[in-house]
Protein backbone atom coordinates (compact mmCIF):
# COMPACT_ATOMS: atom_id res chain seq x y z
CA UNK A 1 -40.15 169.12 -346.50
CA UNK A 2 -40.73 165.36 -346.53
CA UNK A 3 -41.33 163.85 -343.08
CA UNK A 4 -39.75 160.70 -341.90
CA UNK A 5 -43.23 158.83 -342.17
CA UNK A 6 -43.54 159.95 -345.84
CA UNK A 7 -40.12 158.65 -346.81
CA UNK A 8 -40.78 155.18 -345.19
CA UNK A 9 -44.33 154.65 -346.44
CA UNK A 10 -45.39 152.82 -349.62
CA UNK A 11 -44.91 149.43 -351.03
CA UNK A 12 -41.66 147.40 -349.95
CA UNK A 13 -38.96 147.28 -352.41
CA UNK A 14 -37.77 143.95 -350.93
CA UNK A 15 -38.08 140.42 -352.33
CA UNK A 16 -41.14 138.33 -351.24
CA UNK A 17 -38.78 135.91 -349.69
CA UNK A 18 -38.04 138.38 -346.98
CA UNK A 19 -41.72 138.96 -345.95
CA UNK A 20 -41.40 137.22 -342.77
CA UNK A 21 -38.16 138.91 -341.87
CA UNK A 22 -39.70 142.33 -342.73
CA UNK A 23 -42.89 141.51 -340.68
CA UNK A 24 -40.69 140.67 -337.59
CA UNK A 25 -38.87 144.04 -337.95
CA UNK A 26 -41.65 146.80 -338.27
CA UNK A 27 -39.32 149.57 -337.46
CA UNK A 28 -37.54 151.72 -340.10
CA UNK A 29 -34.15 153.28 -339.88
CA UNK A 30 -31.94 154.86 -342.51
CA UNK A 31 -28.42 154.45 -343.51
CA UNK A 32 -25.98 157.11 -344.97
CA UNK A 33 -22.71 155.94 -346.40
CA UNK A 34 -19.82 158.49 -346.65
CA UNK A 35 -16.89 157.26 -348.72
CA UNK A 36 -13.54 159.04 -348.77
CA UNK A 37 -9.80 158.64 -349.04
CA UNK A 38 -6.57 160.08 -347.45
CA UNK A 39 -7.92 160.29 -343.82
CA UNK A 40 -11.30 161.58 -345.10
CA UNK A 41 -9.92 164.46 -346.96
CA UNK A 42 -11.15 163.55 -350.40
CA UNK A 43 -14.63 162.26 -351.05
CA UNK A 44 -14.78 159.46 -353.69
CA UNK A 45 -17.35 159.67 -356.51
CA UNK A 46 -18.83 156.65 -358.30
CA UNK A 47 -18.12 154.09 -355.60
CA UNK A 48 -20.58 151.30 -356.05
CA UNK A 49 -22.25 150.65 -352.69
CA UNK A 50 -24.25 147.36 -352.11
CA UNK A 51 -26.44 146.66 -348.96
CA UNK A 52 -27.16 143.05 -348.27
CA UNK A 53 -28.83 141.00 -345.57
CA UNK A 54 -28.46 137.35 -344.37
CA UNK A 55 -31.89 135.71 -344.07
CA UNK A 56 -32.57 132.06 -343.56
CA UNK A 57 -29.02 131.18 -344.49
CA UNK A 58 -29.31 133.20 -347.94
CA UNK A 59 -27.70 136.35 -348.81
CA UNK A 60 -30.08 139.06 -350.29
CA UNK A 61 -28.86 142.25 -352.02
CA UNK A 62 -31.45 144.81 -350.90
CA UNK A 63 -30.06 148.09 -352.20
CA UNK A 64 -27.32 149.38 -354.58
CA UNK A 65 -26.34 152.80 -355.70
CA UNK A 66 -23.13 154.90 -356.45
CA UNK A 67 -21.89 157.75 -354.46
CA UNK A 68 -22.39 161.28 -355.58
CA UNK A 69 -19.60 164.01 -355.95
CA UNK A 70 -19.59 164.30 -352.12
CA UNK A 71 -18.79 160.54 -351.87
CA UNK A 72 -22.35 159.91 -350.36
CA UNK A 73 -25.12 157.56 -350.86
CA UNK A 74 -27.97 158.89 -348.67
CA UNK A 75 -31.43 157.94 -347.33
CA UNK A 76 -31.28 154.19 -347.55
CA UNK A 77 -34.34 153.18 -345.59
CA UNK A 78 -34.14 149.71 -344.02
CA UNK A 79 -36.28 147.42 -341.82
CA UNK A 80 -35.18 147.11 -338.14
CA UNK A 81 -36.64 146.45 -334.77
CA UNK A 82 -39.24 148.87 -333.56
CA UNK A 83 -37.98 151.30 -331.07
CA UNK A 84 -40.00 149.90 -328.16
CA UNK A 85 -38.40 146.42 -328.68
CA UNK A 86 -35.05 147.81 -327.51
CA UNK A 87 -36.17 149.91 -324.49
CA UNK A 88 -35.14 147.45 -321.84
CA UNK A 89 -31.93 145.57 -320.94
CA UNK A 90 -33.66 142.18 -321.43
CA UNK A 91 -34.81 142.89 -325.04
CA UNK A 92 -31.97 145.23 -326.19
CA UNK A 93 -30.15 143.82 -329.45
CA UNK A 94 -32.10 140.41 -329.30
CA UNK A 95 -33.87 140.69 -332.71
CA UNK A 96 -31.59 143.10 -334.55
CA UNK A 97 -30.81 142.79 -338.14
CA UNK A 98 -27.23 143.27 -339.25
CA UNK A 99 -26.83 144.54 -342.85
CA UNK A 100 -23.69 143.88 -344.87
CA UNK A 101 -22.24 146.81 -346.75
CA UNK A 102 -19.95 146.27 -349.60
CA UNK A 103 -17.92 148.88 -351.68
CA UNK A 104 -16.34 148.75 -354.90
CA UNK A 105 -14.24 151.12 -357.11
CA UNK A 106 -11.63 150.25 -359.71
CA UNK A 107 -9.04 152.53 -358.19
CA UNK A 108 -9.48 151.29 -354.55
CA UNK A 109 -9.32 148.21 -352.40
CA UNK A 110 -12.83 146.88 -352.05
CA UNK A 111 -14.71 146.45 -348.95
CA UNK A 112 -16.76 143.43 -348.55
CA UNK A 113 -19.68 142.61 -346.07
CA UNK A 114 -18.90 145.29 -343.45
CA UNK A 115 -21.44 144.78 -340.77
CA UNK A 116 -23.90 147.64 -339.92
CA UNK A 117 -27.02 147.76 -337.54
CA UNK A 118 -29.76 150.50 -338.08
CA UNK A 119 -32.04 151.84 -335.31
CA UNK A 120 -35.67 152.72 -335.60
CA UNK A 121 -36.23 156.41 -336.52
CA UNK A 122 -32.53 157.16 -336.64
CA UNK A 123 -29.99 157.77 -339.45
CA UNK A 124 -26.99 155.53 -339.02
CA UNK A 125 -23.92 157.36 -340.75
CA UNK A 126 -21.21 154.94 -341.99
CA UNK A 127 -17.93 156.81 -342.77
CA UNK A 128 -15.70 154.43 -344.92
CA UNK A 129 -12.08 155.41 -345.90
CA UNK A 130 -11.01 153.46 -348.99
CA UNK A 131 -7.41 152.45 -349.49
CA UNK A 132 -5.97 153.17 -353.07
CA UNK A 133 -4.51 150.49 -355.07
CA UNK A 134 -0.95 150.92 -356.10
CA UNK A 135 -0.51 151.23 -359.89
CA UNK A 136 0.17 147.78 -361.29
CA UNK A 137 -0.77 145.98 -358.06
CA UNK A 138 -3.50 143.34 -357.71
CA UNK A 139 -6.58 143.81 -355.50
């Protein structure tokens, strides 16, 4: 079994422009996106999921993938505040990164820039219910 430390080690997949942002956020948390329809009754396969970050006034797309047959994109490891930075009321939430999650599928209404925060050494699960497009309607 792969440990948490093994999953988050290695070279950064992020753009050099984000080096200072990543250096300020030494923690690592993971994100799992679960996409469904009809009150979470039906998982949606092949939804394009994009994870972005606003840094220095620019939008950076950090990660993208498509959901599997269970409607899931899993184990997206992202920089965040180290756990000890959020241990007191004075520091909680001060230096957090907010990621923007966007979802696209031709049969469903798109979701653009849904804000999500991840926590150090935790998996954040984002359940998203997409709204079907009516036949012949515009998005």
